[in-house]
Amino acid sequence: MTSKELLYIEDVLAHEKVMQTACSEFSNQVQNTELKSFLTMLSSKHQQYFGTFYSLLG
């Protein structure tokens, strides 16, 4: 991989981690069960995306 591609992956990893954390935190704060479920699902998806991109580095 080129250095530019590695920088892109590092940037994506940071964004995915921020999104996963935000969705998880918002999920813990909302009362609406449908919205809580949706945010939990989004948090899980962002964790999966993080893992996928991280695996490109190894």
N, C-alpha and C. Protein backbone atom coordinates (compact mmCIF):
# COMPACT_ATOMS: atom_id res chain seq x y z
N MET A 1 0.83 -1.18 0.00
CA MET A 1 0.00 0.00 0.00
C MET A 1 0.87 1.25 0.00
N THR A 2 0.39 2.26 -0.65
CA THR A 2 1.12 3.52 -0.65
C THR A 2 0.90 4.25 0.67
N SER A 3 1.75 5.22 0.94
CA SER A 3 1.59 6.00 2.18
C SER A 3 0.28 6.78 2.17
N LYS A 4 -0.15 7.21 1.01
CA LYS A 4 -1.42 7.95 0.91
C LYS A 4 -2.60 7.02 1.23
N GLU A 5 -2.53 5.79 0.76
CA GLU A 5 -3.59 4.82 1.06
C GLU A 5 -3.62 4.49 2.55
N LEU A 6 -2.45 4.38 3.15
CA LEU A 6 -2.40 4.12 4.59
C LEU A 6 -2.98 5.28 5.39
N LEU A 7 -2.68 6.49 4.97
CA LEU A 7 -3.26 7.67 5.63
C LEU A 7 -4.77 7.68 5.50
N TYR A 8 -5.28 7.30 4.34
CA TYR A 8 -6.72 7.23 4.13
C TYR A 8 -7.34 6.22 5.08
N ILE A 9 -6.73 5.05 5.20
CA ILE A 9 -7.27 4.02 6.08
C ILE A 9 -7.23 4.47 7.54
N GLU A 10 -6.16 5.13 7.95
CA GLU A 10 -6.08 5.66 9.31
C GLU A 10 -7.19 6.68 9.56
N ASP A 11 -7.46 7.52 8.58
CA ASP A 11 -8.53 8.51 8.69
C ASP A 11 -9.89 7.83 8.81
N VAL A 12 -10.12 6.82 7.98
CA VAL A 12 -11.38 6.08 8.02
C VAL A 12 -11.54 5.39 9.37
N LEU A 13 -10.46 4.80 9.89
CA LEU A 13 -10.52 4.14 11.20
C LEU A 13 -10.94 5.13 12.29
N ALA A 14 -10.37 6.31 12.25
CA ALA A 14 -10.71 7.33 13.25
C ALA A 14 -12.18 7.72 13.13
N HIS A 15 -12.67 7.90 11.91
CA HIS A 15 -14.06 8.28 11.71
C HIS A 15 -15.01 7.18 12.16
N GLU A 16 -14.67 5.94 11.84
CA GLU A 16 -15.53 4.82 12.23
C GLU A 16 -15.58 4.69 13.76
N LYS A 17 -14.45 4.89 14.42
CA LYS A 17 -14.42 4.82 15.88
C LYS A 17 -15.28 5.92 16.49
N VAL A 18 -15.20 7.13 15.94
CA VAL A 18 -16.02 8.24 16.44
C VAL A 18 -17.50 7.93 16.25
N MET A 19 -17.86 7.42 15.08
CA MET A 19 -19.26 7.11 14.80
C MET A 19 -19.77 5.98 15.69
N GLN A 20 -18.95 4.95 15.89
CA GLN A 20 -19.35 3.83 16.75
C GLN A 20 -19.59 4.33 18.17
N THR A 21 -18.67 5.13 18.68
CA THR A 21 -18.79 5.66 20.04
C THR A 21 -20.01 6.56 20.17
N ALA A 22 -20.23 7.44 19.21
CA ALA A 22 -21.37 8.36 19.26
C ALA A 22 -22.69 7.60 19.24
N CYS A 23 -22.81 6.65 18.34
CA CYS A 23 -24.06 5.87 18.26
C CYS A 23 -24.30 5.11 19.55
N SER A 24 -23.26 4.55 20.12
CA SER A 24 -23.39 3.81 21.36
C SER A 24 -23.82 4.73 22.51
N GLU A 25 -23.19 5.88 22.61
CA GLU A 25 -23.54 6.83 23.66
C GLU A 25 -24.96 7.35 23.50
N PHE A 26 -25.36 7.70 22.28
CA PHE A 26 -26.71 8.17 22.05
C PHE A 26 -27.73 7.08 22.35
N SER A 27 -27.39 5.85 22.02
CA SER A 27 -28.27 4.72 22.30
C SER A 27 -28.54 4.59 23.80
N ASN A 28 -27.53 4.85 24.59
CA ASN A 28 -27.69 4.77 26.05
C ASN A 28 -28.49 5.92 26.63
N GLN A 29 -28.68 6.98 25.86
CA GLN A 29 -29.36 8.16 26.37
C GLN A 29 -30.82 8.26 25.97
N VAL A 30 -31.23 7.58 24.90
CA VAL A 30 -32.60 7.74 24.41
C VAL A 30 -33.55 6.80 25.14
N GLN A 31 -34.80 7.20 25.21
CA GLN A 31 -35.84 6.41 25.86
C GLN A 31 -36.62 5.57 24.85
N ASN A 32 -36.76 6.07 23.65
CA ASN A 32 -37.53 5.39 22.61
C ASN A 32 -36.84 4.08 22.23
N THR A 33 -37.55 2.97 22.42
CA THR A 33 -36.93 1.66 22.19
C THR A 33 -36.59 1.43 20.72
N GLU A 34 -37.42 1.94 19.82
CA GLU A 34 -37.13 1.77 18.39
C GLU A 34 -35.87 2.53 18.00
N LEU A 35 -35.75 3.75 18.47
CA LEU A 35 -34.56 4.56 18.19
C LEU A 35 -33.33 3.95 18.86
N LYS A 36 -33.49 3.47 20.09
CA LYS A 36 -32.38 2.82 20.80
C LYS A 36 -31.88 1.61 20.02
N SER A 37 -32.81 0.82 19.50
CA SER A 37 -32.44 -0.36 18.72
C SER A 37 -31.72 0.04 17.45
N PHE A 38 -32.20 1.06 16.77
CA PHE A 38 -31.57 1.55 15.55
C PHE A 38 -30.15 2.04 15.81
N LEU A 39 -29.97 2.81 16.87
CA LEU A 39 -28.65 3.34 17.20
C LEU A 39 -27.68 2.22 17.61
N THR A 40 -28.20 1.23 18.30
CA THR A 40 -27.37 0.08 18.67
C THR A 40 -26.91 -0.66 17.43
N MET A 41 -27.82 -0.83 16.46
CA MET A 41 -27.48 -1.48 15.20
C MET A 41 -26.42 -0.67 14.45
N LEU A 42 -26.58 0.65 14.42
CA LEU A 42 -25.58 1.50 13.76
C LEU A 42 -24.22 1.40 14.44
N SER A 43 -24.22 1.38 15.75
CA SER A 43 -22.98 1.24 16.49
C SER A 43 -22.28 -0.06 16.13
N SER A 44 -23.05 -1.11 16.04
CA SER A 44 -22.50 -2.42 15.67
C SER A 44 -21.94 -2.41 14.25
N LYS A 45 -22.66 -1.79 13.33
CA LYS A 45 -22.19 -1.70 11.94
C LYS A 45 -20.88 -0.94 11.85
N HIS A 46 -20.77 0.17 12.57
CA HIS A 46 -19.54 0.96 12.54
C HIS A 46 -18.38 0.17 13.16
N GLN A 47 -18.68 -0.65 14.17
CA GLN A 47 -17.64 -1.51 14.74
C GLN A 47 -17.18 -2.53 13.71
N GLN A 48 -18.12 -3.08 12.93
CA GLN A 48 -17.77 -4.03 11.87
C GLN A 48 -16.92 -3.35 10.80
N TYR A 49 -17.31 -2.16 10.40
CA TYR A 49 -16.54 -1.42 9.38
C TYR A 49 -15.13 -1.15 9.88
N PHE A 50 -15.02 -0.77 11.17
CA PHE A 50 -13.71 -0.52 11.77
C PHE A 50 -12.85 -1.78 11.65
N GLY A 51 -13.43 -2.92 12.01
CA GLY A 51 -12.70 -4.18 11.93
C GLY A 51 -12.27 -4.53 10.52
N THR A 52 -13.13 -4.25 9.56
CA THR A 52 -12.80 -4.53 8.16
C THR A 52 -11.62 -3.68 7.70
N PHE A 53 -11.68 -2.40 7.99
CA PHE A 53 -10.58 -1.52 7.59
C PHE A 53 -9.30 -1.85 8.35
N TYR A 54 -9.43 -2.18 9.63
CA TYR A 54 -8.27 -2.51 10.44
C TYR A 54 -7.57 -3.75 9.89
N SER A 55 -8.36 -4.69 9.41
CA SER A 55 -7.78 -5.93 8.88
C SER A 55 -6.94 -5.67 7.62
N LEU A 56 -7.21 -4.57 6.94
CA LEU A 56 -6.40 -4.22 5.76
C LEU A 56 -4.97 -3.86 6.16
N LEU A 57 -4.79 -3.44 7.39
CA LEU A 57 -3.46 -3.04 7.86
C LEU A 57 -2.61 -4.25 8.26
N GLY A 58 -3.27 -5.35 8.60
CA GLY A 58 -2.53 -6.51 9.10
C GLY A 58 -2.29 -7.47 8.03
